[in-house]
Every structure is written in structure tokens, then in C-alpha cells.
Amino acid sequence: MTYYKKKETVQALQMTEHWAEYQDDAPAWLRAAWHKPPGSPGAVHINGRCLFAATLAGLSLVDIGDWLVFTGTNIGVVGDEEFNKTYEAMES
């Protein structure tokens, strides 16, 4: 049997070398994630120079070029290649 991935609308932000600059101009979902206790579901926190996200699969290191994907309730970390295979921008 063949299956396809259900379409869902997500919000996403790609991490760059200047990710710390997002803190003041970040989307509301990311600002909320920064204020959650580290390790709690959907939390994003900084440990030294590293950025971590608490995903459904556990704590994930967010590398430069990775995407933080917000589904409305959860945050995921997706590599750039996988992101481009899975998602496409919506027309606004």
C-alpha cells in the first residue's frame, strides 16, 4: 500500500550564524518557546553557544542551517535538505 504525508501548515525559521539576533524580532511561537523551562516540551534554550529544542523525540541540537518547525503545538528540528524535500512556501 502507498501512503503520502498529510499536508499540514507549519511555521518555520531557519537558524543562521546570527540566530541570537532573532531573540528581539522572533516570531511569537519562538519567543514563547524561549520562555519555557529548558527540556519542557516545545522549549528552546541556549546552553553556551549551542541552541537546543525539546522535541517529541527528545532534546535536539539545532545546527546552523537547520529549521525550527512549529506545528501549532510542537517544535521540531529539520535539516535543510529534508526541509526542502518536505515543505514548500505558501503563497501569501
N, C-alpha and C. Protein backbone atom coordinates (compact mmCIF):
# COMPACT_ATOMS: atom_id res chain seq x y z
N MET A 1 0.84 -1.17 0.00
CA MET A 1 0.00 0.00 0.00
C MET A 1 0.89 1.24 0.00
N THR A 2 0.46 2.28 -0.67
CA THR A 2 1.21 3.51 -0.75
C THR A 2 0.58 4.57 0.13
N TYR A 3 1.42 5.35 0.79
CA TYR A 3 0.96 6.41 1.68
C TYR A 3 1.59 7.73 1.27
N TYR A 4 0.93 8.81 1.60
CA TYR A 4 1.53 10.12 1.40
C TYR A 4 1.45 10.88 2.71
N LYS A 5 2.35 11.82 2.88
CA LYS A 5 2.36 12.61 4.09
C LYS A 5 1.20 13.60 4.03
N LYS A 6 0.43 13.64 5.10
CA LYS A 6 -0.69 14.57 5.16
C LYS A 6 -0.16 16.00 5.12
N LYS A 7 -0.86 16.82 4.39
CA LYS A 7 -0.46 18.22 4.32
C LYS A 7 -0.82 18.90 5.63
N GLU A 8 0.10 19.70 6.10
CA GLU A 8 -0.15 20.50 7.28
C GLU A 8 0.55 21.84 7.10
N THR A 9 -0.02 22.83 7.70
CA THR A 9 0.58 24.16 7.64
C THR A 9 1.44 24.33 8.87
N VAL A 10 2.67 24.74 8.66
CA VAL A 10 3.60 24.95 9.77
C VAL A 10 4.23 26.33 9.63
N GLN A 11 4.79 26.80 10.72
CA GLN A 11 5.62 27.99 10.69
C GLN A 11 7.05 27.51 10.90
N ALA A 12 8.00 28.16 10.25
CA ALA A 12 9.38 27.70 10.36
C ALA A 12 10.34 28.88 10.30
N LEU A 13 11.49 28.66 10.90
CA LEU A 13 12.55 29.66 10.90
C LEU A 13 13.87 28.93 10.76
N GLN A 14 14.69 29.34 9.80
CA GLN A 14 15.98 28.70 9.60
C GLN A 14 17.03 29.38 10.48
N MET A 15 17.81 28.57 11.16
CA MET A 15 18.87 29.09 12.01
C MET A 15 20.07 29.49 11.16
N THR A 16 20.61 30.65 11.45
CA THR A 16 21.80 31.14 10.77
C THR A 16 22.88 31.38 11.82
N GLU A 17 24.03 31.82 11.38
CA GLU A 17 25.10 32.13 12.32
C GLU A 17 24.71 33.27 13.25
N HIS A 18 23.71 34.02 12.90
CA HIS A 18 23.29 35.17 13.69
C HIS A 18 21.99 34.90 14.44
N TRP A 19 21.75 33.63 14.83
CA TRP A 19 20.49 33.26 15.45
C TRP A 19 20.20 34.02 16.73
N ALA A 20 21.23 34.45 17.44
CA ALA A 20 20.99 35.18 18.69
C ALA A 20 20.25 36.49 18.41
N GLU A 21 20.39 37.02 17.20
CA GLU A 21 19.71 38.26 16.86
C GLU A 21 18.21 38.07 16.72
N TYR A 22 17.74 36.82 16.57
CA TYR A 22 16.30 36.56 16.45
C TYR A 22 15.55 36.84 17.74
N GLN A 23 16.25 36.88 18.85
CA GLN A 23 15.56 36.96 20.13
C GLN A 23 14.65 38.18 20.23
N ASP A 24 15.06 39.32 19.70
CA ASP A 24 14.23 40.52 19.80
C ASP A 24 13.16 40.60 18.72
N ASP A 25 13.41 39.96 17.58
CA ASP A 25 12.50 40.06 16.44
C ASP A 25 11.97 38.69 16.03
N ALA A 26 11.92 37.77 16.97
CA ALA A 26 11.49 36.39 16.68
C ALA A 26 9.97 36.31 16.58
N PRO A 27 9.48 35.31 15.84
CA PRO A 27 8.02 35.08 15.81
C PRO A 27 7.51 34.77 17.23
N ALA A 28 6.25 35.02 17.46
CA ALA A 28 5.66 34.81 18.79
C ALA A 28 5.86 33.38 19.29
N TRP A 29 5.74 32.38 18.40
CA TRP A 29 5.88 30.98 18.84
C TRP A 29 7.30 30.70 19.33
N LEU A 30 8.31 31.35 18.73
CA LEU A 30 9.68 31.13 19.16
C LEU A 30 9.97 31.88 20.45
N ARG A 31 9.44 33.08 20.59
CA ARG A 31 9.60 33.82 21.85
C ARG A 31 8.98 33.03 23.01
N ALA A 32 7.81 32.44 22.76
CA ALA A 32 7.16 31.63 23.80
C ALA A 32 8.01 30.41 24.14
N ALA A 33 8.63 29.79 23.13
CA ALA A 33 9.46 28.61 23.36
C ALA A 33 10.69 28.96 24.19
N TRP A 34 11.26 30.17 23.99
CA TRP A 34 12.42 30.59 24.77
C TRP A 34 12.08 30.76 26.25
N HIS A 35 10.82 31.07 26.56
CA HIS A 35 10.42 31.32 27.94
C HIS A 35 9.97 30.06 28.68
N LYS A 36 9.92 28.94 27.99
CA LYS A 36 9.57 27.69 28.66
C LYS A 36 10.79 27.14 29.40
N PRO A 37 10.59 26.39 30.47
CA PRO A 37 11.72 25.80 31.17
C PRO A 37 12.51 24.85 30.24
N PRO A 38 13.84 24.92 30.27
CA PRO A 38 14.65 24.04 29.42
C PRO A 38 14.25 22.57 29.58
N GLY A 39 14.10 21.90 28.45
CA GLY A 39 13.74 20.48 28.47
C GLY A 39 12.25 20.21 28.46
N SER A 40 11.44 21.23 28.77
CA SER A 40 9.99 21.00 28.74
C SER A 40 9.53 20.97 27.29
N PRO A 41 8.46 20.24 26.98
CA PRO A 41 8.00 20.11 25.59
C PRO A 41 7.84 21.45 24.89
N GLY A 42 8.44 21.58 23.73
CA GLY A 42 8.34 22.79 22.94
C GLY A 42 9.28 23.90 23.34
N ALA A 43 10.17 23.63 24.32
CA ALA A 43 11.11 24.66 24.78
C ALA A 43 12.31 24.75 23.84
N VAL A 44 12.85 25.94 23.71
CA VAL A 44 14.10 26.19 23.00
C VAL A 44 14.99 26.94 23.97
N HIS A 45 16.23 26.49 24.14
CA HIS A 45 17.12 27.19 25.05
C HIS A 45 18.56 27.18 24.56
N ILE A 46 19.31 28.10 25.11
CA ILE A 46 20.72 28.26 24.77
C ILE A 46 21.55 27.68 25.91
N ASN A 47 22.55 26.88 25.54
CA ASN A 47 23.49 26.34 26.52
C ASN A 47 24.87 26.65 25.98
N GLY A 48 25.49 27.67 26.53
CA GLY A 48 26.77 28.13 25.98
C GLY A 48 26.53 28.76 24.62
N ARG A 49 27.16 28.21 23.60
CA ARG A 49 26.97 28.71 22.23
C ARG A 49 26.06 27.81 21.42
N CYS A 50 25.41 26.86 22.08
CA CYS A 50 24.56 25.89 21.38
C CYS A 50 23.08 26.19 21.63
N LEU A 51 22.28 25.91 20.63
CA LEU A 51 20.84 26.07 20.73
C LEU A 51 20.21 24.68 20.73
N PHE A 52 19.31 24.44 21.67
CA PHE A 52 18.63 23.16 21.80
C PHE A 52 17.13 23.36 21.74
N ALA A 53 16.42 22.36 21.20
CA ALA A 53 14.96 22.37 21.16
C ALA A 53 14.46 21.06 21.76
N ALA A 54 13.45 21.17 22.62
CA ALA A 54 12.82 19.98 23.21
C ALA A 54 11.71 19.53 22.27
N THR A 55 11.98 18.48 21.50
CA THR A 55 11.03 17.97 20.51
C THR A 55 10.32 16.74 21.05
N LEU A 56 9.38 16.21 20.29
CA LEU A 56 8.71 14.97 20.69
C LEU A 56 9.68 13.80 20.79
N ALA A 57 10.78 13.87 20.02
CA ALA A 57 11.78 12.79 20.03
C ALA A 57 12.84 13.00 21.11
N GLY A 58 12.76 14.09 21.85
CA GLY A 58 13.75 14.38 22.88
C GLY A 58 14.47 15.69 22.60
N LEU A 59 15.55 15.92 23.32
CA LEU A 59 16.32 17.14 23.16
C LEU A 59 17.15 17.08 21.89
N SER A 60 17.04 18.11 21.03
CA SER A 60 17.76 18.14 19.76
C SER A 60 18.65 19.37 19.68
N LEU A 61 19.88 19.16 19.24
CA LEU A 61 20.79 20.26 18.96
C LEU A 61 20.36 20.89 17.64
N VAL A 62 20.28 22.21 17.61
CA VAL A 62 19.91 22.93 16.39
C VAL A 62 21.19 23.46 15.76
N ASP A 63 21.56 22.91 14.62
CA ASP A 63 22.77 23.34 13.92
C ASP A 63 22.47 24.50 13.00
N ILE A 64 23.52 25.24 12.63
CA ILE A 64 23.37 26.29 11.64
C ILE A 64 22.83 25.67 10.35
N GLY A 65 21.81 26.26 9.78
CA GLY A 65 21.18 25.74 8.57
C GLY A 65 19.95 24.90 8.84
N ASP A 66 19.80 24.39 10.08
CA ASP A 66 18.61 23.63 10.44
C ASP A 66 17.41 24.56 10.53
N TRP A 67 16.25 23.96 10.42
CA TRP A 67 14.99 24.68 10.54
C TRP A 67 14.29 24.30 11.84
N LEU A 68 13.79 25.28 12.56
CA LEU A 68 12.86 25.04 13.66
C LEU A 68 11.47 25.10 13.04
N VAL A 69 10.71 24.03 13.21
CA VAL A 69 9.39 23.92 12.60
C VAL A 69 8.36 23.86 13.73
N PHE A 70 7.42 24.78 13.70
CA PHE A 70 6.37 24.86 14.72
C PHE A 70 5.06 24.43 14.10
N THR A 71 4.44 23.39 14.68
CA THR A 71 3.21 22.83 14.11
C THR A 71 1.95 23.40 14.74
N GLY A 72 2.11 24.26 15.70
CA GLY A 72 0.96 24.80 16.43
C GLY A 72 0.97 24.34 17.87
N THR A 73 1.56 23.19 18.12
CA THR A 73 1.69 22.68 19.48
C THR A 73 3.10 22.19 19.78
N ASN A 74 3.82 21.73 18.78
CA ASN A 74 5.14 21.15 18.98
C ASN A 74 6.19 21.84 18.12
N ILE A 75 7.44 21.70 18.54
CA ILE A 75 8.56 22.22 17.76
C ILE A 75 9.40 21.02 17.31
N GLY A 76 9.83 21.06 16.07
CA GLY A 76 10.72 20.05 15.53
C GLY A 76 11.96 20.70 14.96
N VAL A 77 13.00 19.91 14.79
CA VAL A 77 14.24 20.36 14.17
C VAL A 77 14.43 19.56 12.90
N VAL A 78 14.55 20.24 11.77
CA VAL A 78 14.64 19.58 10.48
C VAL A 78 15.85 20.14 9.74
N GLY A 79 16.69 19.24 9.22
CA GLY A 79 17.82 19.67 8.42
C GLY A 79 17.36 20.35 7.14
N ASP A 80 18.23 21.17 6.56
CA ASP A 80 17.87 21.96 5.39
C ASP A 80 17.43 21.10 4.21
N GLU A 81 18.16 20.03 3.93
CA GLU A 81 17.81 19.18 2.78
C GLU A 81 16.45 18.53 2.97
N GLU A 82 16.22 17.98 4.16
CA GLU A 82 14.93 17.34 4.45
C GLU A 82 13.80 18.36 4.45
N PHE A 83 14.06 19.55 4.96
CA PHE A 83 13.05 20.61 4.97
C PHE A 83 12.62 20.93 3.54
N ASN A 84 13.59 21.08 2.65
CA ASN A 84 13.27 21.43 1.27
C ASN A 84 12.56 20.31 0.52
N LYS A 85 12.77 19.05 0.93
CA LYS A 85 12.04 17.93 0.33
C LYS A 85 10.60 17.86 0.85
N THR A 86 10.40 18.28 2.09
CA THR A 86 9.13 18.08 2.77
C THR A 86 8.18 19.27 2.68
N TYR A 87 8.73 20.47 2.71
CA TYR A 87 7.90 21.68 2.80
C TYR A 87 8.11 22.58 1.58
N GLU A 88 7.09 23.34 1.28
CA GLU A 88 7.23 24.39 0.27
C GLU A 88 6.50 25.62 0.80
N ALA A 89 6.99 26.78 0.43
CA ALA A 89 6.41 28.04 0.92
C ALA A 89 4.99 28.19 0.38
N MET A 90 4.12 28.73 1.21
CA MET A 90 2.76 29.03 0.80
C MET A 90 2.75 30.42 0.19
N GLU A 91 1.88 30.62 -0.78
CA GLU A 91 1.72 31.95 -1.33
C GLU A 91 0.95 32.79 -0.32
N SER A 92 1.39 34.03 -0.15
CA SER A 92 0.69 34.87 0.82
C SER A 92 -0.28 35.81 0.17
